[in-house]
Amino acid sequence: MGGTGTLKAVLFDRDGTLVINVPYNGDPRLVRPMGSALPAVARARRAGLATGVVSNQSGVARGLLTLDQVHAVNRRVDEILGPFDVWQVCPHAMEDRCACRKPAPGMILGACRALGIEPSEAAVIGDIGADLGAAKAAGARAVMVPTALTRQEEIEAADVVAKDLWHAVGLLLGGLE
């Protein structure tokens, strides 16, 4: 991926990437960072990159949690790892066919607008194909950090795969820290 070039921001998926995935989590007390999340996010910030989070939260549309609960969990993520420069959340279900739910590019485009950058100046780090699909649709770079829940075909389809978040950020920085 060589050097930061025009890279100005890293947008992280939340569940399964920054924090351990607790399905439809509405309880901030259950937020636990992934192993290398804290040093990886700090590494991106030290390199002068803006940081953001783009997160599908279909549990809101399904009535499993409220937007207030999602925001409370996000505040806890900010307390542990942040604060992040931008948050984008999609509360819709897949059947809503919205423009924001990953793999649609809406949240990435919104985050880039909020940061005042072009999508080509952003990279998305996520754990599933939808994260990478959204990055591609928006014109951003993408790095996959697989977990036990990532499907093999999604890993095989990814252009760039990292073993953890620290490695993912390092690939984006290209060793130019």
N, C-alpha and C. Protein backbone atom coordinates (compact mmCIF):
# COMPACT_ATOMS: atom_id res chain seq x y z
N MET A 1 0.83 -1.19 0.00
CA MET A 1 0.00 0.00 0.00
C MET A 1 0.87 1.25 0.00
N GLY A 2 2.12 1.11 0.28
CA GLY A 2 3.13 2.13 0.17
C GLY A 2 2.81 3.53 0.60
N GLY A 3 3.32 3.97 1.71
CA GLY A 3 3.28 5.36 2.15
C GLY A 3 1.89 5.89 2.38
N THR A 4 1.80 6.98 3.11
CA THR A 4 0.49 7.57 3.34
C THR A 4 0.01 8.29 2.10
N GLY A 5 0.93 8.76 1.24
CA GLY A 5 0.50 9.44 0.03
C GLY A 5 -0.51 10.50 0.38
N THR A 6 -1.71 10.35 -0.15
CA THR A 6 -2.77 11.30 0.14
C THR A 6 -3.67 10.82 1.27
N LEU A 7 -3.28 9.78 1.97
CA LEU A 7 -4.12 9.26 3.04
C LEU A 7 -4.26 10.29 4.16
N LYS A 8 -5.51 10.62 4.49
CA LYS A 8 -5.77 11.62 5.52
C LYS A 8 -6.62 11.09 6.67
N ALA A 9 -7.28 9.93 6.45
CA ALA A 9 -8.16 9.40 7.50
C ALA A 9 -8.27 7.89 7.42
N VAL A 10 -8.48 7.30 8.59
CA VAL A 10 -8.79 5.88 8.67
C VAL A 10 -10.17 5.77 9.31
N LEU A 11 -11.05 5.06 8.63
CA LEU A 11 -12.40 4.82 9.12
C LEU A 11 -12.49 3.35 9.51
N PHE A 12 -12.84 3.12 10.75
CA PHE A 12 -12.89 1.76 11.29
C PHE A 12 -14.33 1.28 11.40
N ASP A 13 -14.55 0.01 11.10
CA ASP A 13 -15.79 -0.64 11.47
C ASP A 13 -15.76 -0.76 13.00
N ARG A 14 -16.91 -0.79 13.65
CA ARG A 14 -16.93 -0.87 15.11
C ARG A 14 -16.89 -2.30 15.62
N ASP A 15 -17.96 -3.05 15.38
CA ASP A 15 -18.13 -4.38 15.97
C ASP A 15 -17.31 -5.43 15.23
N GLY A 16 -16.42 -6.09 15.95
CA GLY A 16 -15.57 -7.10 15.35
C GLY A 16 -14.27 -6.54 14.81
N THR A 17 -14.16 -5.21 14.78
CA THR A 17 -12.93 -4.57 14.31
C THR A 17 -12.30 -3.77 15.44
N LEU A 18 -13.00 -2.74 15.93
CA LEU A 18 -12.49 -1.96 17.07
C LEU A 18 -12.80 -2.62 18.40
N VAL A 19 -14.01 -3.16 18.51
CA VAL A 19 -14.43 -3.78 19.77
C VAL A 19 -14.93 -5.19 19.50
N ILE A 20 -14.85 -6.01 20.54
CA ILE A 20 -15.35 -7.38 20.43
C ILE A 20 -16.83 -7.34 20.10
N ASN A 21 -17.22 -8.14 19.12
CA ASN A 21 -18.59 -8.12 18.64
C ASN A 21 -19.54 -8.74 19.67
N VAL A 22 -20.44 -7.91 20.19
CA VAL A 22 -21.55 -8.37 21.02
C VAL A 22 -22.80 -8.05 20.21
N PRO A 23 -23.45 -9.06 19.62
CA PRO A 23 -24.57 -8.79 18.73
C PRO A 23 -25.63 -7.87 19.35
N TYR A 24 -25.96 -6.83 18.59
CA TYR A 24 -26.99 -5.86 18.98
C TYR A 24 -26.72 -5.27 20.37
N ASN A 25 -25.48 -4.90 20.60
CA ASN A 25 -25.11 -4.40 21.93
C ASN A 25 -25.69 -3.01 22.19
N GLY A 26 -26.45 -2.89 23.25
CA GLY A 26 -26.97 -1.61 23.71
C GLY A 26 -26.43 -1.25 25.09
N ASP A 27 -25.49 -2.02 25.60
CA ASP A 27 -24.98 -1.84 26.96
C ASP A 27 -23.50 -1.44 26.93
N PRO A 28 -23.19 -0.19 27.27
CA PRO A 28 -21.80 0.28 27.25
C PRO A 28 -20.87 -0.55 28.13
N ARG A 29 -21.42 -1.19 29.16
CA ARG A 29 -20.58 -2.00 30.05
C ARG A 29 -20.00 -3.23 29.37
N LEU A 30 -20.57 -3.60 28.22
CA LEU A 30 -20.11 -4.79 27.50
C LEU A 30 -19.04 -4.46 26.46
N VAL A 31 -18.67 -3.20 26.32
CA VAL A 31 -17.68 -2.79 25.33
C VAL A 31 -16.28 -3.21 25.78
N ARG A 32 -15.63 -4.02 24.94
CA ARG A 32 -14.25 -4.45 25.18
C ARG A 32 -13.48 -4.26 23.89
N PRO A 33 -12.34 -3.58 23.94
CA PRO A 33 -11.58 -3.37 22.70
C PRO A 33 -10.97 -4.66 22.18
N MET A 34 -10.81 -4.73 20.87
CA MET A 34 -10.07 -5.83 20.25
C MET A 34 -8.62 -5.69 20.69
N GLY A 35 -7.88 -6.79 20.64
CA GLY A 35 -6.52 -6.86 21.15
C GLY A 35 -5.61 -5.69 20.84
N SER A 36 -5.47 -5.33 19.58
CA SER A 36 -4.53 -4.26 19.23
C SER A 36 -5.22 -2.94 18.90
N ALA A 37 -6.49 -2.80 19.28
CA ALA A 37 -7.24 -1.60 18.90
C ALA A 37 -6.63 -0.32 19.48
N LEU A 38 -6.34 -0.31 20.76
CA LEU A 38 -5.83 0.92 21.38
C LEU A 38 -4.51 1.36 20.75
N PRO A 39 -3.49 0.50 20.67
CA PRO A 39 -2.26 0.96 20.04
C PRO A 39 -2.41 1.26 18.54
N ALA A 40 -3.28 0.55 17.84
CA ALA A 40 -3.45 0.78 16.41
C ALA A 40 -4.09 2.14 16.14
N VAL A 41 -5.13 2.47 16.90
CA VAL A 41 -5.78 3.77 16.72
C VAL A 41 -4.81 4.89 17.10
N ALA A 42 -4.06 4.69 18.18
CA ALA A 42 -3.06 5.68 18.59
C ALA A 42 -2.00 5.84 17.50
N ARG A 43 -1.62 4.75 16.86
CA ARG A 43 -0.62 4.79 15.79
C ARG A 43 -1.12 5.65 14.62
N ALA A 44 -2.37 5.46 14.24
CA ALA A 44 -2.95 6.27 13.16
C ALA A 44 -2.96 7.75 13.54
N ARG A 45 -3.34 8.04 14.76
CA ARG A 45 -3.39 9.43 15.20
C ARG A 45 -1.99 10.05 15.25
N ARG A 46 -1.01 9.31 15.75
CA ARG A 46 0.37 9.81 15.79
C ARG A 46 0.88 10.15 14.40
N ALA A 47 0.40 9.42 13.40
CA ALA A 47 0.81 9.67 12.02
C ALA A 47 0.07 10.87 11.42
N GLY A 48 -0.80 11.50 12.20
CA GLY A 48 -1.52 12.68 11.73
C GLY A 48 -2.81 12.41 10.99
N LEU A 49 -3.30 11.17 11.07
CA LEU A 49 -4.53 10.82 10.38
C LEU A 49 -5.75 11.08 11.25
N ALA A 50 -6.81 11.54 10.62
CA ALA A 50 -8.10 11.62 11.29
C ALA A 50 -8.61 10.19 11.47
N THR A 51 -9.44 9.97 12.49
CA THR A 51 -10.01 8.64 12.71
C THR A 51 -11.52 8.75 12.80
N GLY A 52 -12.18 7.74 12.29
CA GLY A 52 -13.63 7.71 12.34
C GLY A 52 -14.14 6.30 12.44
N VAL A 53 -15.44 6.20 12.69
CA VAL A 53 -16.10 4.89 12.81
C VAL A 53 -17.32 4.89 11.90
N VAL A 54 -17.48 3.80 11.14
CA VAL A 54 -18.64 3.60 10.28
C VAL A 54 -19.26 2.26 10.66
N SER A 55 -20.50 2.28 11.15
CA SER A 55 -21.06 1.08 11.77
C SER A 55 -22.51 0.82 11.39
N ASN A 56 -22.77 -0.36 10.81
CA ASN A 56 -24.14 -0.80 10.60
C ASN A 56 -24.73 -1.18 11.96
N GLN A 57 -25.93 -0.69 12.25
CA GLN A 57 -26.61 -1.03 13.50
C GLN A 57 -28.07 -1.38 13.21
N SER A 58 -28.26 -2.49 12.49
CA SER A 58 -29.60 -2.89 12.08
C SER A 58 -30.50 -3.26 13.25
N GLY A 59 -29.92 -3.47 14.42
CA GLY A 59 -30.73 -3.77 15.61
C GLY A 59 -31.72 -2.66 15.92
N VAL A 60 -31.42 -1.44 15.50
CA VAL A 60 -32.35 -0.32 15.71
C VAL A 60 -33.60 -0.56 14.88
N ALA A 61 -33.43 -0.84 13.59
CA ALA A 61 -34.59 -1.09 12.71
C ALA A 61 -35.37 -2.32 13.15
N ARG A 62 -34.69 -3.28 13.74
CA ARG A 62 -35.33 -4.52 14.17
C ARG A 62 -35.99 -4.39 15.54
N GLY A 63 -35.83 -3.24 16.19
CA GLY A 63 -36.43 -3.03 17.49
C GLY A 63 -35.69 -3.71 18.63
N LEU A 64 -34.44 -4.11 18.39
CA LEU A 64 -33.65 -4.81 19.40
C LEU A 64 -32.87 -3.86 20.30
N LEU A 65 -32.67 -2.64 19.85
CA LEU A 65 -32.04 -1.60 20.65
C LEU A 65 -32.42 -0.26 20.08
N THR A 66 -32.21 0.78 20.87
CA THR A 66 -32.58 2.13 20.44
C THR A 66 -31.35 2.88 19.94
N LEU A 67 -31.59 3.94 19.22
CA LEU A 67 -30.49 4.79 18.77
C LEU A 67 -29.76 5.39 19.97
N ASP A 68 -30.49 5.70 21.04
CA ASP A 68 -29.85 6.20 22.25
C ASP A 68 -28.88 5.17 22.83
N GLN A 69 -29.26 3.90 22.81
CA GLN A 69 -28.36 2.84 23.28
C GLN A 69 -27.12 2.74 22.39
N VAL A 70 -27.31 2.84 21.07
CA VAL A 70 -26.18 2.80 20.14
C VAL A 70 -25.24 3.96 20.47
N HIS A 71 -25.78 5.15 20.68
CA HIS A 71 -24.95 6.32 20.99
C HIS A 71 -24.23 6.14 22.32
N ALA A 72 -24.87 5.50 23.28
CA ALA A 72 -24.23 5.25 24.59
C ALA A 72 -23.04 4.29 24.41
N VAL A 73 -23.22 3.27 23.60
CA VAL A 73 -22.12 2.33 23.33
C VAL A 73 -21.00 3.07 22.59
N ASN A 74 -21.37 3.91 21.63
CA ASN A 74 -20.36 4.67 20.88
C ASN A 74 -19.59 5.61 21.80
N ARG A 75 -20.27 6.23 22.74
CA ARG A 75 -19.57 7.11 23.71
C ARG A 75 -18.56 6.29 24.52
N ARG A 76 -18.91 5.07 24.88
CA ARG A 76 -17.99 4.21 25.62
C ARG A 76 -16.78 3.85 24.76
N VAL A 77 -17.01 3.59 23.48
CA VAL A 77 -15.89 3.33 22.57
C VAL A 77 -14.98 4.55 22.53
N ASP A 78 -15.58 5.74 22.45
CA ASP A 78 -14.80 6.98 22.48
C ASP A 78 -13.98 7.10 23.77
N GLU A 79 -14.58 6.73 24.89
CA GLU A 79 -13.87 6.81 26.18
C GLU A 79 -12.67 5.87 26.19
N ILE A 80 -12.82 4.70 25.62
CA ILE A 80 -11.75 3.70 25.65
C ILE A 80 -10.70 3.96 24.57
N LEU A 81 -11.12 4.30 23.37
CA LEU A 81 -10.21 4.39 22.23
C LEU A 81 -10.10 5.78 21.62
N GLY A 82 -10.97 6.66 21.98
CA GLY A 82 -11.12 7.89 21.24
C GLY A 82 -10.54 9.09 21.91
N PRO A 83 -11.13 10.22 21.60
CA PRO A 83 -12.34 10.39 20.81
C PRO A 83 -12.07 10.32 19.30
N PHE A 84 -13.02 9.76 18.59
CA PHE A 84 -12.92 9.69 17.15
C PHE A 84 -13.40 11.01 16.56
N ASP A 85 -12.87 11.34 15.40
CA ASP A 85 -13.20 12.61 14.76
C ASP A 85 -14.59 12.60 14.13
N VAL A 86 -15.04 11.44 13.72
CA VAL A 86 -16.35 11.35 13.08
C VAL A 86 -16.96 9.97 13.34
N TRP A 87 -18.26 9.96 13.53
CA TRP A 87 -19.03 8.72 13.67
C TRP A 87 -20.13 8.74 12.62
N GLN A 88 -20.32 7.62 11.96
CA GLN A 88 -21.45 7.42 11.04
C GLN A 88 -22.09 6.09 11.40
N VAL A 89 -23.39 6.12 11.64
CA VAL A 89 -24.13 4.92 12.02
C VAL A 89 -25.32 4.75 11.09
N CYS A 90 -25.50 3.54 10.60
CA CYS A 90 -26.69 3.21 9.81
C CYS A 90 -27.65 2.40 10.68
N PRO A 91 -28.83 2.97 11.00
CA PRO A 91 -29.79 2.26 11.84
C PRO A 91 -30.78 1.39 11.05
N HIS A 92 -30.56 1.27 9.75
CA HIS A 92 -31.52 0.58 8.88
C HIS A 92 -31.27 -0.92 8.79
N ALA A 93 -32.31 -1.63 8.39
CA ALA A 93 -32.19 -3.07 8.11
C ALA A 93 -31.83 -3.24 6.64
N MET A 94 -31.31 -4.39 6.30
CA MET A 94 -30.91 -4.66 4.93
C MET A 94 -32.07 -4.43 3.95
N GLU A 95 -33.25 -4.85 4.36
CA GLU A 95 -34.40 -4.73 3.46
C GLU A 95 -34.84 -3.28 3.23
N ASP A 96 -34.33 -2.34 4.00
CA ASP A 96 -34.65 -0.93 3.79
C ASP A 96 -33.97 -0.37 2.54
N ARG A 97 -32.93 -1.03 2.08
CA ARG A 97 -32.21 -0.64 0.88
C ARG A 97 -31.79 0.84 0.91
N CYS A 98 -31.25 1.25 2.02
CA CYS A 98 -30.80 2.64 2.19
C CYS A 98 -29.45 2.84 1.50
N ALA A 99 -29.03 4.07 1.43
CA ALA A 99 -27.74 4.40 0.80
C ALA A 99 -26.59 4.34 1.80
N CYS A 100 -26.92 4.15 3.10
CA CYS A 100 -25.86 4.20 4.11
C CYS A 100 -25.38 2.82 4.58
N ARG A 101 -26.23 1.83 4.55
CA ARG A 101 -25.85 0.51 5.08
C ARG A 101 -24.76 -0.13 4.23
N LYS A 102 -23.64 -0.47 4.88
CA LYS A 102 -22.57 -1.16 4.16
C LYS A 102 -23.11 -2.48 3.62
N PRO A 103 -22.85 -2.81 2.38
CA PRO A 103 -21.79 -2.35 1.50
C PRO A 103 -22.08 -1.10 0.67
N ALA A 104 -23.20 -0.41 0.90
CA ALA A 104 -23.42 0.88 0.22
C ALA A 104 -22.39 1.89 0.75
N PRO A 105 -22.06 2.89 -0.03
CA PRO A 105 -20.98 3.81 0.35
C PRO A 105 -21.40 4.99 1.23
N GLY A 106 -22.68 5.12 1.56
CA GLY A 106 -23.19 6.32 2.21
C GLY A 106 -22.46 6.77 3.46
N MET A 107 -22.16 5.84 4.38
CA MET A 107 -21.49 6.26 5.63
C MET A 107 -20.07 6.73 5.37
N ILE A 108 -19.40 6.09 4.43
CA ILE A 108 -18.03 6.49 4.13
C ILE A 108 -18.02 7.85 3.46
N LEU A 109 -18.94 8.06 2.54
CA LEU A 109 -19.05 9.37 1.89
C LEU A 109 -19.41 10.45 2.91
N GLY A 110 -20.32 10.13 3.83
CA GLY A 110 -20.70 11.09 4.88
C GLY A 110 -19.54 11.42 5.80
N ALA A 111 -18.76 10.40 6.18
CA ALA A 111 -17.61 10.62 7.04
C ALA A 111 -16.58 11.50 6.33
N CYS A 112 -16.36 11.24 5.06
CA CYS A 112 -15.39 12.04 4.30
C CYS A 112 -15.87 13.49 4.17
N ARG A 113 -17.15 13.69 3.92
CA ARG A 113 -17.69 15.06 3.87
C ARG A 113 -17.47 15.77 5.20
N ALA A 114 -17.76 15.06 6.30
CA ALA A 114 -17.61 15.65 7.64
C ALA A 114 -16.15 16.01 7.92
N LEU A 115 -15.23 15.24 7.38
CA LEU A 115 -13.80 15.48 7.59
C LEU A 115 -13.21 16.46 6.57
N GLY A 116 -14.00 16.78 5.55
CA GLY A 116 -13.52 17.69 4.52
C GLY A 116 -12.48 17.08 3.60
N ILE A 117 -12.60 15.77 3.34
CA ILE A 117 -11.65 15.07 2.48
C ILE A 117 -12.40 14.34 1.38
N GLU A 118 -11.64 13.91 0.38
CA GLU A 118 -12.19 13.08 -0.69
C GLU A 118 -12.14 11.62 -0.24
N PRO A 119 -13.05 10.78 -0.71
CA PRO A 119 -13.01 9.36 -0.35
C PRO A 119 -11.67 8.70 -0.69
N SER A 120 -11.00 9.15 -1.74
CA SER A 120 -9.71 8.58 -2.12
C SER A 120 -8.62 8.88 -1.08
N GLU A 121 -8.92 9.80 -0.16
CA GLU A 121 -7.98 10.16 0.90
C GLU A 121 -8.28 9.41 2.20
N ALA A 122 -9.20 8.44 2.11
CA ALA A 122 -9.60 7.66 3.29
C ALA A 122 -9.32 6.19 3.06
N ALA A 123 -9.18 5.48 4.17
CA ALA A 123 -9.08 4.02 4.14
C ALA A 123 -10.07 3.48 5.15
N VAL A 124 -10.64 2.33 4.84
CA VAL A 124 -11.59 1.66 5.72
C VAL A 124 -10.96 0.36 6.18
N ILE A 125 -11.04 0.12 7.49
CA ILE A 125 -10.58 -1.15 8.05
C ILE A 125 -11.79 -1.85 8.63
N GLY A 126 -12.03 -3.08 8.18
CA GLY A 126 -13.17 -3.83 8.66
C GLY A 126 -12.91 -5.32 8.68
N ASP A 127 -13.89 -6.06 9.18
CA ASP A 127 -13.73 -7.50 9.36
C ASP A 127 -14.59 -8.35 8.44
N ILE A 128 -15.42 -7.72 7.61
CA ILE A 128 -16.27 -8.49 6.70
C ILE A 128 -16.30 -7.84 5.32
N GLY A 129 -16.79 -8.60 4.37
CA GLY A 129 -16.85 -8.13 3.00
C GLY A 129 -17.66 -6.86 2.81
N ALA A 130 -18.72 -6.66 3.58
CA ALA A 130 -19.53 -5.45 3.45
C ALA A 130 -18.71 -4.20 3.73
N ASP A 131 -17.77 -4.29 4.69
CA ASP A 131 -16.92 -3.14 5.00
C ASP A 131 -16.05 -2.78 3.80
N LEU A 132 -15.46 -3.80 3.19
CA LEU A 132 -14.59 -3.57 2.05
C LEU A 132 -15.39 -3.16 0.81
N GLY A 133 -16.58 -3.72 0.67
CA GLY A 133 -17.45 -3.33 -0.44
C GLY A 133 -17.85 -1.88 -0.36
N ALA A 134 -18.13 -1.39 0.83
CA ALA A 134 -18.48 0.02 1.01
C ALA A 134 -17.30 0.91 0.67
N ALA A 135 -16.10 0.50 1.09
CA ALA A 135 -14.90 1.28 0.77
C ALA A 135 -14.71 1.37 -0.74
N LYS A 136 -14.83 0.23 -1.40
CA LYS A 136 -14.65 0.21 -2.85
C LYS A 136 -15.70 1.07 -3.54
N ALA A 137 -16.96 0.94 -3.11
CA ALA A 137 -18.04 1.72 -3.73
C ALA A 137 -17.84 3.22 -3.54
N ALA A 138 -17.20 3.60 -2.43
CA ALA A 138 -16.96 5.02 -2.15
C ALA A 138 -15.69 5.54 -2.82
N GLY A 139 -14.81 4.63 -3.24
CA GLY A 139 -13.53 5.05 -3.81
C GLY A 139 -12.43 5.20 -2.77
N ALA A 140 -12.61 4.53 -1.63
CA ALA A 140 -11.61 4.56 -0.55
C ALA A 140 -10.78 3.29 -0.59
N ARG A 141 -9.64 3.31 0.09
CA ARG A 141 -8.82 2.10 0.26
C ARG A 141 -9.49 1.21 1.30
N ALA A 142 -9.09 -0.06 1.31
CA ALA A 142 -9.70 -0.99 2.26
C ALA A 142 -8.68 -2.03 2.73
N VAL A 143 -8.77 -2.35 4.02
CA VAL A 143 -7.97 -3.42 4.60
C VAL A 143 -8.91 -4.29 5.43
N MET A 144 -8.81 -5.60 5.23
CA MET A 144 -9.61 -6.53 6.02
C MET A 144 -8.76 -7.08 7.16
N VAL A 145 -9.38 -7.11 8.33
CA VAL A 145 -8.79 -7.78 9.49
C VAL A 145 -9.79 -8.88 9.88
N PRO A 146 -9.55 -10.08 9.39
CA PRO A 146 -10.51 -11.16 9.63
C PRO A 146 -10.61 -11.58 11.10
N THR A 147 -11.78 -12.04 11.46
CA THR A 147 -12.00 -12.65 12.77
C THR A 147 -12.54 -14.06 12.53
N ALA A 148 -12.84 -14.76 13.59
CA ALA A 148 -13.39 -16.11 13.46
C ALA A 148 -14.74 -16.09 12.72
N LEU A 149 -15.42 -14.94 12.71
CA LEU A 149 -16.72 -14.84 12.05
C LEU A 149 -16.63 -14.45 10.57
N THR A 150 -15.44 -14.06 10.11
CA THR A 150 -15.27 -13.66 8.72
C THR A 150 -15.32 -14.90 7.83
N ARG A 151 -16.12 -14.82 6.78
CA ARG A 151 -16.24 -15.95 5.86
C ARG A 151 -14.99 -16.07 4.99
N GLN A 152 -14.57 -17.28 4.72
CA GLN A 152 -13.36 -17.54 3.94
C GLN A 152 -13.40 -16.85 2.58
N GLU A 153 -14.56 -16.88 1.93
CA GLU A 153 -14.66 -16.26 0.60
C GLU A 153 -14.49 -14.74 0.68
N GLU A 154 -14.84 -14.13 1.82
CA GLU A 154 -14.62 -12.69 1.99
C GLU A 154 -13.12 -12.39 2.13
N ILE A 155 -12.42 -13.26 2.84
CA ILE A 155 -10.97 -13.10 3.00
C ILE A 155 -10.29 -13.25 1.65
N GLU A 156 -10.69 -14.25 0.89
CA GLU A 156 -10.09 -14.50 -0.42
C GLU A 156 -10.36 -13.37 -1.40
N ALA A 157 -11.50 -12.71 -1.25
CA ALA A 157 -11.87 -11.61 -2.16
C ALA A 157 -11.19 -10.29 -1.80
N ALA A 158 -10.66 -10.19 -0.60
CA ALA A 158 -10.04 -8.93 -0.15
C ALA A 158 -8.70 -8.71 -0.84
N ASP A 159 -8.46 -7.49 -1.26
CA ASP A 159 -7.17 -7.14 -1.87
C ASP A 159 -6.06 -7.09 -0.84
N VAL A 160 -6.39 -6.58 0.36
CA VAL A 160 -5.39 -6.43 1.42
C VAL A 160 -5.95 -7.03 2.70
N VAL A 161 -5.22 -7.97 3.29
CA VAL A 161 -5.64 -8.62 4.52
C VAL A 161 -4.53 -8.45 5.55
N ALA A 162 -4.91 -8.04 6.76
CA ALA A 162 -3.95 -7.86 7.85
C ALA A 162 -4.29 -8.82 8.97
N LYS A 163 -3.28 -9.17 9.77
CA LYS A 163 -3.52 -10.13 10.85
C LYS A 163 -4.21 -9.49 12.05
N ASP A 164 -4.04 -8.17 12.22
CA ASP A 164 -4.71 -7.45 13.31
C ASP A 164 -4.74 -5.96 12.97
N LEU A 165 -5.33 -5.17 13.85
CA LEU A 165 -5.45 -3.73 13.57
C LEU A 165 -4.10 -3.03 13.51
N TRP A 166 -3.17 -3.42 14.37
CA TRP A 166 -1.84 -2.81 14.36
C TRP A 166 -1.19 -3.00 12.98
N HIS A 167 -1.27 -4.23 12.48
CA HIS A 167 -0.72 -4.56 11.17
C HIS A 167 -1.47 -3.80 10.07
N ALA A 168 -2.78 -3.68 10.18
CA ALA A 168 -3.59 -2.97 9.17
C ALA A 168 -3.16 -1.51 9.06
N VAL A 169 -3.03 -0.85 10.21
CA VAL A 169 -2.60 0.55 10.19
C VAL A 169 -1.19 0.65 9.63
N GLY A 170 -0.32 -0.27 10.01
CA GLY A 170 1.04 -0.29 9.48
C GLY A 170 1.07 -0.42 7.96
N LEU A 171 0.21 -1.27 7.41
CA LEU A 171 0.14 -1.41 5.96
C LEU A 171 -0.28 -0.09 5.29
N LEU A 172 -1.22 0.61 5.92
CA LEU A 172 -1.67 1.89 5.38
C LEU A 172 -0.58 2.95 5.46
N LEU A 173 0.16 2.92 6.54
CA LEU A 173 1.22 3.90 6.72
C LEU A 173 2.46 3.58 5.89
N GLY A 174 2.62 2.33 5.53
CA GLY A 174 3.74 1.93 4.71
C GLY A 174 5.09 2.12 5.38
N GLY A 175 5.11 2.11 6.71
CA GLY A 175 6.36 2.24 7.44
C GLY A 175 6.89 3.66 7.51
N LEU A 176 6.12 4.65 7.05
CA LEU A 176 6.59 6.04 7.04
C LEU A 176 6.11 6.80 8.27
N GLU A 177 6.37 6.26 9.45
CA GLU A 177 5.90 6.93 10.67
C GLU A 177 6.97 7.82 11.24
